[in-house]
Structure formats: C-alpha cells, structure tokens
C-alpha cells in the first residue's frame, strides 16, 4: 500500500459532505461551529488510535474481533454492519445528488437551453456516473481513476487553504467559535449532526484496522500507527476548518443564500477569480466521485471482515451488494430533492451507529486477555468515554432534527 492509513482516512472523510457542510456552516453561522469540528477531529484521532492499536496488538480486524470477543458479539457486529451501511448509503445519495447537479450546472454554462430539462438530464447524468463506477469497480480497475480524482480533490483543498490567507476571519471570531454553542435557529441541530457525521464517521474507524493490517504493520509499529492517526486528525481539521473559515470570511453576514451547488463557488473567488468555477467543478467532482468507491466497497469489506474472509470482487455477493448501493444512490436525482439540503441530511445518518462502534472498542481495548500490557491508557479511556457521551448527545440532536422535519 503506497499511501499510509492516514491518507485513506482523509479520503473517506474529505468529500462533498464535508465541503458542503463546512461551506453552509461558514455562510450561515460564521465560525460558531468550529468547536464541533475540533471535538469531532479530536475524537476521531482517539478512535483511529484505538482501532489501529487493537489490530496491531491482537492481529484481529475490527468486526472479527467484536464478533469473537464480546458477549453478544455476533449481534453487535451485524448491527454495526447494518448501521454503517445505512449511513454510508445515505451519504452516497447525497454525493450523487451533488455530483450530478454540478455536472448539469456546468453544462448549462455552455448550453443555457438545458435549464428546462433539468430533471431528466440530472437523472441521466446520475445513471451514467453510477454505471461507469459500477463497471470500473466490478473489473477491479479503479486504482488509477481514483488517483486522478484524488488529484482534483487535492487541488481544491489547496485552493481552499490558500484562499484562507485572503479572507481570514478575525482572531476573535475564531476564538468565539471554540465556545460550545448550537445556533438556536432552524437547521442548527441538523448541521451540527451533519458535521459529526462527516468528520467522525464509523466507516473510517472500522476500515482503519483493515488498512493497518494491509500495511503489514505489527506490534513494533505502535508509534507509527499513533503518529499516523494524529496526522490524519490534524489534516482533516486543517482542511475542513479552512473551508469553513473562508466561507465565513467571504460570505457570512452578506445575506448570501446557498441553495444551489454552484453558489458554493463564491468561497474560491477571492483568490482564483475566473478560475474558481473550473477548480470548483473539478474539485467537487473529484471529492464526490472518489468517495463513491469506498462507499460501494464498505459493506462488502465489513461483511468479509465479519466472516474473516477475503474480499472477492468477482463474487455474486459483491456484485449484488454494490448494485443495490448504486440503485440507492439514485434517490436524490429521481425525487428531485435539493442536493445541498439532501447532502447535509444524509450525513446525519452516519452518527446513529457511532455510540455502538465506540463502546465496542472501549471494551475490547480494556480486556487484559486480549491486549495484555498494551491495554488502553487512562488518557485513551477518558477520550473514548467522552467520545461516547458526545456521540450520544449528537445522535439525539440528529434524531430530533429529523423528527422536526417530518
């Protein structure tokens, strides 16, 4: 594996969900939700460290370890698979909605007459995207395409970080954003839950044990694993925080409303000018499409982990599961939902399985018969307990936000 697990974690985390959530948050609330991002990234570091440490010490992957070492582990592992699948497939719905709409809006720049056929063209684009992705994944030739897409994501991320120097919010505003406070306005709870869902995703922690094992690291690499987890959390915070900050600096308080995908391009205009549209299109597509592969893979990977078997992309099981995921992804285009709102809503579903994922690794990491002298330290235990409480609060807030929409 050429890239470290840290970059795999970033690939899972930095996508259209994080870009959309950070831009909308910065536009609507300035830096007031920076504390949510900081906590999410801190707890993500703790959980990446926990799952990575478990695998290095025991040689077991996450779900296999849960299944075989916890009372009722079979049921817990299955619930986690179901919960992660629901969360990730919902993310796929939002990603495809954003990707199809950004391609449609790019086409209308050259062919304005297409505006009258938005619904049918967006559906057609979505079907084409999924068909290509499914065929590439089926044949196992996605590594090269994924590298190209990651290049565009990196290009957009660099553009966001550079833009920060032109529209940096005041130090007082940044400091104020570190004080816990949920905006008491419509959509506040939803956005907070979406923040956590996109930066503290269970799939990142569960897949980490597989990536660490694929790296052929052993118990002698405990410090490497710890440094890697720390780097991943810091980079996620820096990139996501930069997006929020430039959105706050460029848009907050100016009365701008972000209801269409292309309206998010405003945040790149301070530095890129006329090139902002091009970079944004390539970057948001790269962020979205590069996220499709891991989302399509996550359920087959988790099932293989549960079975302690090898992932066979030629198997009937793999083709059926990824095919169902692709069909699920068409929800937003088919129903004509607003892609911005849908992307934020779908990220919320990632938080509901978090408490179970956290409490499972807490018990595994504190079992002396498994971990020996490498069992969780006091600091890691405090981190996991705090993360568990935080995840329960956010899950409640997310559920309340969804109920309020009904």
Protein backbone atom coordinates (compact mmCIF):
# COMPACT_ATOMS: atom_id res chain seq x y z
CA UNK A 1 0.00 0.00 0.00
CA UNK A 2 1.74 3.18 -1.18
CA UNK A 3 -0.22 5.59 0.97
CA UNK A 4 -0.43 5.45 4.74
CA UNK A 5 -3.70 4.76 6.54
CA UNK A 6 -3.87 8.49 7.35
CA UNK A 7 -4.47 9.31 3.70
CA UNK A 8 -7.12 6.59 3.50
CA UNK A 9 -8.89 8.22 6.46
CA UNK A 10 -8.72 11.61 4.75
CA UNK A 11 -10.10 10.06 1.56
CA UNK A 12 -13.07 8.66 3.49
CA UNK A 13 -13.66 11.94 5.33
CA UNK A 14 -12.99 14.81 2.92
CA UNK A 15 -15.73 14.58 0.33
CA UNK A 16 -18.75 16.50 -0.87
CA UNK A 17 -20.37 16.04 2.54
CA UNK A 18 -17.60 17.82 4.42
CA UNK A 19 -17.19 20.51 1.74
CA UNK A 20 -20.94 21.22 1.66
CA UNK A 21 -21.37 21.17 5.45
CA UNK A 22 -18.40 23.49 6.07
CA UNK A 23 -19.41 25.99 3.37
CA UNK A 24 -23.03 26.15 4.53
CA UNK A 25 -21.94 26.44 8.17
CA UNK A 26 -19.49 29.25 7.41
CA UNK A 27 -22.07 31.09 5.33
CA UNK A 28 -24.90 30.74 7.85
CA UNK A 29 -23.13 30.83 11.22
CA UNK A 30 -19.59 32.14 10.65
CA UNK A 31 -17.12 30.28 12.90
CA UNK A 32 -19.70 29.41 15.59
CA UNK A 33 -19.48 25.66 14.89
CA UNK A 34 -15.68 25.41 14.95
CA UNK A 35 -15.92 23.71 18.36
CA UNK A 36 -17.92 20.86 16.82
CA UNK A 37 -15.25 20.31 14.19
CA UNK A 38 -12.47 20.42 16.80
CA UNK A 39 -14.20 17.88 19.05
CA UNK A 40 -15.06 15.61 16.13
CA UNK A 41 -11.46 15.57 14.88
CA UNK A 42 -10.10 15.05 18.41
CA UNK A 43 -12.40 12.08 19.00
CA UNK A 44 -11.63 10.77 15.51
CA UNK A 45 -7.95 10.72 16.47
CA UNK A 46 -8.77 8.80 19.67
CA UNK A 47 -10.85 6.21 17.81
CA UNK A 48 -8.38 5.78 14.94
CA UNK A 49 -5.69 5.22 17.59
CA UNK A 50 -7.94 2.74 19.43
CA UNK A 51 -8.90 0.61 16.42
CA UNK A 52 -5.38 0.71 15.00
CA UNK A 53 -3.85 -0.32 18.35
CA UNK A 54 -6.31 -3.20 18.73
CA UNK A 55 -5.35 -4.64 15.34
CA UNK A 56 -1.59 -4.25 15.84
CA UNK A 57 -1.65 -5.98 19.23
CA UNK A 58 -4.14 -8.78 18.51
CA UNK A 59 -3.77 -9.22 14.75
CA UNK A 60 -7.58 -9.16 14.54
CA UNK A 61 -9.63 -6.78 12.45
CA UNK A 62 -12.47 -4.75 13.95
CA UNK A 63 -15.67 -6.72 13.32
CA UNK A 64 -13.95 -10.09 13.58
CA UNK A 65 -12.67 -9.01 16.99
CA UNK A 66 -16.08 -7.73 18.09
CA UNK A 67 -17.79 -10.91 16.92
CA UNK A 68 -15.40 -13.26 18.72
CA UNK A 69 -14.50 -11.37 21.89
CA UNK A 70 -17.62 -9.60 23.14
CA UNK A 71 -20.72 -11.12 24.69
CA UNK A 72 -23.39 -10.98 22.02
CA UNK A 73 -20.64 -10.00 19.59
CA UNK A 74 -22.37 -11.60 16.60
CA UNK A 75 -25.43 -9.40 17.09
CA UNK A 76 -23.34 -6.29 17.80
CA UNK A 77 -21.24 -6.83 14.65
CA UNK A 78 -24.34 -7.30 12.50
CA UNK A 79 -25.95 -4.16 13.96
CA UNK A 80 -22.78 -2.21 13.18
CA UNK A 81 -22.74 -3.51 9.59
CA UNK A 82 -26.39 -2.51 9.16
CA UNK A 83 -25.86 0.90 10.80
CA UNK A 84 -22.74 1.74 8.80
CA UNK A 85 -24.39 0.56 5.58
CA UNK A 86 -27.42 2.80 6.16
CA UNK A 87 -25.18 5.75 6.99
CA UNK A 88 -22.81 5.28 4.07
CA UNK A 89 -25.51 4.54 1.51
CA UNK A 90 -27.30 7.68 2.63
CA UNK A 91 -24.03 9.55 2.08
CA UNK A 92 -23.91 8.06 -1.42
CA UNK A 93 -27.36 9.52 -2.07
CA UNK A 94 -26.14 12.99 -1.16
CA UNK A 95 -22.85 12.61 -3.06
CA UNK A 96 -24.55 11.53 -6.26
CA UNK A 97 -27.06 14.36 -5.96
CA UNK A 98 -24.26 16.93 -5.65
CA UNK A 99 -22.13 15.37 -8.42
CA UNK A 100 -24.97 15.05 -10.93
CA UNK A 101 -26.15 18.60 -10.24
CA UNK A 102 -22.71 20.16 -10.53
CA UNK A 103 -22.24 18.47 -13.91
CA UNK A 104 -25.66 19.69 -15.01
CA UNK A 105 -24.97 23.25 -13.87
CA UNK A 106 -21.61 23.16 -15.66
CA UNK A 107 -23.37 22.12 -18.88
CA UNK A 108 -25.86 24.97 -18.59
CA UNK A 109 -22.97 27.45 -18.63
CA UNK A 110 -22.43 26.44 -22.27
CA UNK A 111 -25.95 25.34 -23.17
CA UNK A 112 -28.48 27.54 -21.28
CA UNK A 113 -31.41 25.91 -23.07
CA UNK A 114 -30.85 22.77 -20.98
CA UNK A 115 -32.33 24.52 -17.93
CA UNK A 116 -35.82 23.50 -18.99
CA UNK A 117 -34.83 19.82 -18.93
CA UNK A 118 -33.06 19.78 -15.58
CA UNK A 119 -34.88 16.80 -14.05
CA UNK A 120 -34.35 14.33 -16.89
CA UNK A 121 -30.75 15.40 -17.56
CA UNK A 122 -29.74 15.16 -13.89
CA UNK A 123 -31.18 11.63 -13.72
CA UNK A 124 -29.38 10.68 -16.93
CA UNK A 125 -26.06 12.05 -15.59
CA UNK A 126 -26.54 10.18 -12.30
CA UNK A 127 -27.21 6.91 -14.12
CA UNK A 128 -24.14 7.38 -16.33
CA UNK A 129 -21.93 8.15 -13.30
CA UNK A 130 -23.10 5.09 -11.38
CA UNK A 131 -22.89 2.81 -14.42
CA UNK A 132 -19.28 3.82 -15.05
CA UNK A 133 -18.34 3.49 -11.38
CA UNK A 134 -20.02 0.10 -11.09
CA UNK A 135 -18.31 -1.28 -14.16
CA UNK A 136 -14.90 0.04 -13.13
CA UNK A 137 -15.34 -1.37 -9.62
CA UNK A 138 -16.61 -4.70 -10.97
CA UNK A 139 -13.50 -5.11 -13.10
CA UNK A 140 -11.20 -4.04 -10.27
CA UNK A 141 -9.59 -1.23 -12.29
CA UNK A 142 -10.44 1.66 -10.03
CA UNK A 143 -6.99 2.44 -8.56
CA UNK A 144 -5.81 4.63 -11.45
CA UNK A 145 -9.11 6.50 -11.75
CA UNK A 146 -9.15 7.06 -8.00
CA UNK A 147 -5.67 8.63 -8.14
CA UNK A 148 -6.88 11.08 -10.81
CA UNK A 149 -9.90 12.01 -8.72
CA UNK A 150 -7.77 12.44 -5.59
CA UNK A 151 -5.56 14.84 -7.57
CA UNK A 152 -8.55 17.09 -8.20
CA UNK A 153 -9.63 16.85 -4.55
CA UNK A 154 -6.11 17.89 -3.51
CA UNK A 155 -6.21 20.77 -5.97
CA UNK A 156 -9.44 22.06 -4.45
CA UNK A 157 -8.15 21.54 -0.89
CA UNK A 158 -5.00 23.56 -1.68
CA UNK A 159 -7.19 26.28 -3.20
CA UNK A 160 -9.28 26.45 -0.02
CA UNK A 161 -6.20 26.67 2.21
CA UNK A 162 -4.64 29.40 0.05
CA UNK A 163 -7.92 31.32 -0.04
CA UNK A 164 -7.83 31.39 3.75
CA UNK A 165 -5.00 33.95 3.67
CA UNK A 166 -7.19 36.35 1.68
CA UNK A 167 -10.41 36.11 3.68
CA UNK A 168 -9.23 35.05 7.15
CA UNK A 169 -11.89 35.68 9.82
CA UNK A 170 -10.78 37.75 12.81
CA UNK A 171 -8.97 36.02 15.68
CA UNK A 172 -11.85 36.99 17.98
CA UNK A 173 -14.34 35.25 15.68
CA UNK A 174 -12.18 32.12 15.54
CA UNK A 175 -11.76 32.09 19.34
CA UNK A 176 -15.51 32.57 19.76
CA UNK A 177 -16.10 29.52 17.56
CA UNK A 178 -14.34 27.33 20.14
CA UNK A 179 -17.03 28.06 22.73
CA UNK A 180 -19.69 25.31 22.59
CA UNK A 181 -22.92 26.78 21.28
CA UNK A 182 -25.58 25.40 18.94
CA UNK A 183 -27.25 28.20 16.94
CA UNK A 184 -30.86 28.36 18.10
CA UNK A 185 -32.21 28.68 14.59
CA UNK A 186 -33.88 26.34 12.15
CA UNK A 187 -31.39 23.76 10.89
CA UNK A 188 -28.86 24.29 13.72
CA UNK A 189 -29.15 20.76 15.17
CA UNK A 190 -29.16 19.26 11.71
CA UNK A 191 -25.92 20.96 10.71
CA UNK A 192 -24.17 20.02 13.96
CA UNK A 193 -25.13 16.36 13.46
CA UNK A 194 -24.01 16.54 9.82
CA UNK A 195 -20.66 17.94 10.98
CA UNK A 196 -20.09 14.95 13.21
CA UNK A 197 -21.43 12.51 10.62
CA UNK A 198 -18.94 13.66 8.00
CA UNK A 199 -15.83 14.09 10.21
CA UNK A 200 -16.38 11.32 12.76
CA UNK A 201 -17.65 8.52 10.53
CA UNK A 202 -17.74 4.95 11.86
CA UNK A 203 -16.59 3.62 8.49
CA UNK A 204 -13.27 5.44 8.96
CA UNK A 205 -12.53 3.65 12.25
CA UNK A 206 -13.75 0.21 11.23
CA UNK A 207 -11.85 0.26 7.95
CA UNK A 208 -8.72 1.55 9.68
CA UNK A 209 -7.97 -1.86 11.17
CA UNK A 210 -8.09 -3.32 7.65
CA UNK A 211 -5.80 -0.62 6.24
CA UNK A 212 -3.35 -1.02 9.14
CA UNK A 213 -3.27 -4.77 8.59
CA UNK A 214 -2.87 -4.25 4.84
CA UNK A 215 0.15 -2.05 5.62
CA UNK A 216 1.72 -5.16 7.19
CA UNK A 217 2.38 -3.26 10.40
CA UNK A 218 2.95 -5.22 13.58
CA UNK A 219 3.28 -4.52 17.26
CA UNK A 220 6.63 -2.82 16.65
CA UNK A 221 4.76 -0.15 14.66
CA UNK A 222 2.62 1.12 17.53
CA UNK A 223 4.31 4.53 17.45
CA UNK A 224 3.98 4.69 13.65
CA UNK A 225 0.28 3.94 13.98
CA UNK A 226 -0.17 6.60 16.66
CA UNK A 227 1.63 9.25 14.60
CA UNK A 228 -0.40 8.29 11.53
CA UNK A 229 -3.70 8.66 13.42
CA UNK A 230 -2.59 12.05 14.75
CA UNK A 231 -1.60 13.27 11.27
CA UNK A 232 -4.96 12.17 9.84
CA UNK A 233 -6.94 14.03 12.51
CA UNK A 234 -4.84 17.21 12.15
CA UNK A 235 -5.11 17.30 8.36
CA UNK A 236 -8.87 16.72 8.45
CA UNK A 237 -9.23 19.59 10.92
CA UNK A 238 -6.99 21.94 8.90
CA UNK A 239 -8.68 21.26 5.56
CA UNK A 240 -12.24 21.29 6.90
CA UNK A 241 -11.56 24.29 9.13
CA UNK A 242 -10.08 26.21 6.21
CA UNK A 243 -13.21 25.62 4.15
CA UNK A 244 -15.42 26.84 6.98
CA UNK A 245 -13.19 29.86 7.65
CA UNK A 246 -13.05 31.12 4.07
CA UNK A 247 -16.80 30.63 3.74
CA UNK A 248 -17.24 32.68 6.92
CA UNK A 249 -14.76 35.31 5.75
CA UNK A 250 -16.16 35.60 2.22
CA UNK A 251 -19.89 35.13 2.79
CA UNK A 252 -21.00 35.38 6.44
CA UNK A 253 -23.18 38.40 7.13
CA UNK A 254 -23.60 39.31 3.47
CA UNK A 255 -27.04 37.79 3.08
CA UNK A 256 -25.96 35.17 0.57
CA UNK A 257 -28.13 32.06 0.36
CA UNK A 258 -26.60 28.77 -0.72
CA UNK A 259 -29.38 26.69 -2.22
CA UNK A 260 -27.69 25.56 -5.44
CA UNK A 261 -24.44 23.71 -5.89
CA UNK A 262 -22.76 26.43 -7.94
CA UNK A 263 -23.44 29.04 -5.28
CA UNK A 264 -20.71 27.37 -3.21
CA UNK A 265 -18.12 28.54 -5.73
CA UNK A 266 -18.19 32.03 -4.19
CA UNK A 267 -15.76 30.90 -1.49
CA UNK A 268 -12.97 30.33 -4.04
CA UNK A 269 -13.36 33.59 -5.93
CA UNK A 270 -11.17 35.76 -3.67
CA UNK A 271 -8.00 34.03 -4.90
CA UNK A 272 -8.98 32.21 -8.08
CA UNK A 273 -11.24 34.75 -9.76
CA UNK A 274 -12.44 33.47 -13.11
CA UNK A 275 -10.71 30.14 -12.49
CA UNK A 276 -12.81 29.49 -9.39
CA UNK A 277 -15.60 27.81 -11.36
CA UNK A 278 -13.21 25.42 -13.11
CA UNK A 279 -11.33 24.45 -9.95
CA UNK A 280 -14.56 24.06 -8.01
CA UNK A 281 -16.15 21.82 -10.66
CA UNK A 282 -13.10 19.55 -10.86
CA UNK A 283 -12.59 19.54 -7.10
CA UNK A 284 -16.17 18.88 -6.05
CA UNK A 285 -16.50 16.14 -8.68
CA UNK A 286 -13.22 14.63 -7.55
CA UNK A 287 -14.33 14.79 -3.91
CA UNK A 288 -17.66 13.22 -4.76
CA UNK A 289 -16.62 10.55 -7.22
CA UNK A 290 -13.53 9.48 -5.25
CA UNK A 291 -15.87 8.88 -2.29
CA UNK A 292 -18.12 6.60 -4.34
CA UNK A 293 -15.59 3.76 -4.45
CA UNK A 294 -15.00 3.41 -0.69
CA UNK A 295 -18.74 3.74 -0.05
CA UNK A 296 -19.55 0.98 -2.52
CA UNK A 297 -16.78 -1.14 -1.00
CA UNK A 298 -17.53 -0.58 2.69
CA UNK A 299 -20.39 -3.06 3.13
CA UNK A 300 -18.65 -5.94 1.27
CA UNK A 301 -15.48 -5.13 3.25
CA UNK A 302 -17.32 -5.22 6.59
CA UNK A 303 -19.08 -8.47 5.71
CA UNK A 304 -15.74 -10.02 4.70
CA UNK A 305 -14.28 -8.74 7.98
CA UNK A 306 -17.16 -10.30 9.91
CA UNK A 307 -16.68 -13.59 8.09
CA UNK A 308 -12.88 -13.29 8.39
CA UNK A 309 -12.73 -13.96 4.69
CA UNK A 310 -11.12 -12.30 1.69
CA UNK A 311 -12.99 -9.68 -0.29
CA UNK A 312 -13.77 -11.21 -3.69
CA UNK A 313 -14.88 -8.54 -6.16
CA UNK A 314 -15.83 -11.25 -8.65
CA UNK A 315 -18.29 -12.90 -6.27
CA UNK A 316 -22.05 -12.78 -6.75
CA UNK A 317 -22.42 -11.35 -3.24
CA UNK A 318 -20.14 -8.41 -4.09
CA UNK A 319 -21.94 -7.62 -7.33
CA UNK A 320 -25.40 -7.75 -5.74
CA UNK A 321 -24.50 -5.58 -2.74
CA UNK A 322 -22.72 -2.90 -4.80
CA UNK A 323 -25.56 -3.00 -7.35
CA UNK A 324 -28.14 -2.32 -4.63
CA UNK A 325 -25.96 0.53 -3.33
CA UNK A 326 -25.86 2.08 -6.82
CA UNK A 327 -29.63 1.96 -7.15
CA UNK A 328 -29.99 3.53 -3.69
CA UNK A 329 -27.75 6.38 -4.81
CA UNK A 330 -30.31 7.47 -7.41
CA UNK A 331 -32.77 8.63 -4.72
CA UNK A 332 -31.98 12.38 -4.81
CA UNK A 333 -32.00 12.71 -8.63
CA UNK A 334 -35.16 10.60 -9.03
CA UNK A 335 -37.13 12.52 -6.41
CA UNK A 336 -35.70 15.86 -7.50
CA UNK A 337 -34.58 16.81 -3.97
CA UNK A 338 -32.42 19.86 -3.33
CA UNK A 339 -28.86 18.45 -3.44
CA UNK A 340 -27.47 20.86 -0.81
CA UNK A 341 -30.15 20.02 1.76
CA UNK A 342 -30.04 16.33 0.86
CA UNK A 343 -26.26 16.18 1.29
CA UNK A 344 -26.49 17.67 4.79
CA UNK A 345 -29.43 15.45 5.79
CA UNK A 346 -27.79 12.24 4.58
CA UNK A 347 -24.65 12.92 6.63
CA UNK A 348 -26.77 12.90 9.79
CA UNK A 349 -27.47 9.16 9.43
CA UNK A 350 -23.79 8.39 9.99
CA UNK A 351 -23.99 9.43 13.66
CA UNK A 352 -26.55 6.89 14.86
CA UNK A 353 -24.22 3.87 14.88
CA UNK A 354 -21.34 5.81 16.47
CA UNK A 355 -22.16 5.00 20.14
CA UNK A 356 -22.13 1.26 19.41
CA UNK A 357 -18.83 1.50 17.49
CA UNK A 358 -17.22 3.44 20.36
CA UNK A 359 -18.44 1.29 23.25
CA UNK A 360 -17.34 -1.88 21.43
CA UNK A 361 -13.72 -0.80 21.04
CA UNK A 362 -13.75 0.50 24.64
CA UNK A 363 -14.43 -2.98 25.99
CA UNK A 364 -12.02 -4.66 23.57
CA UNK A 365 -9.17 -2.29 24.35
CA UNK A 366 -9.61 -2.79 28.11
CA UNK A 367 -9.61 -6.59 28.02
CA UNK A 368 -6.30 -7.72 29.51
CA UNK A 369 -6.58 -11.21 27.99
CA UNK A 370 -6.51 -9.58 24.54
CA UNK A 371 -4.33 -6.52 24.99
CA UNK A 372 -2.01 -7.53 27.84
CA UNK A 373 0.28 -4.64 28.78
CA UNK A 374 -0.95 -2.71 25.73
CA UNK A 375 -4.47 -2.21 27.07
CA UNK A 376 -5.92 1.29 26.90
CA UNK A 377 -4.22 4.01 28.93
CA UNK A 378 -6.11 6.37 31.22
CA UNK A 379 -5.91 9.13 28.58
CA UNK A 380 -7.33 6.89 25.83
CA UNK A 381 -10.10 5.66 28.15
CA UNK A 382 -11.06 9.23 29.03
CA UNK A 383 -11.06 10.04 25.31
CA UNK A 384 -13.28 7.06 24.46
CA UNK A 385 -15.75 7.69 27.30
CA UNK A 386 -16.01 11.38 26.38
CA UNK A 387 -16.41 10.45 22.70
CA UNK A 388 -19.20 8.04 23.64
CA UNK A 389 -21.08 10.73 25.61
CA UNK A 390 -20.56 13.22 22.78
CA UNK A 391 -21.83 10.71 20.18
CA UNK A 392 -24.97 10.02 22.24
CA UNK A 393 -25.73 13.74 22.53
CA UNK A 394 -25.18 14.28 18.80
CA UNK A 395 -27.28 11.22 17.91
CA UNK A 396 -30.13 12.64 19.99
CA UNK A 397 -29.74 16.04 18.30
CA UNK A 398 -29.72 14.40 14.87
CA UNK A 399 -32.82 12.36 15.64
CA UNK A 400 -34.60 15.46 16.95
CA UNK A 401 -33.67 17.40 13.80
CA UNK A 402 -35.04 14.66 11.55
CA UNK A 403 -38.27 14.40 13.59
CA UNK A 404 -38.71 18.18 13.32
CA UNK A 405 -38.59 17.88 9.53
CA UNK A 406 -41.48 15.43 9.48
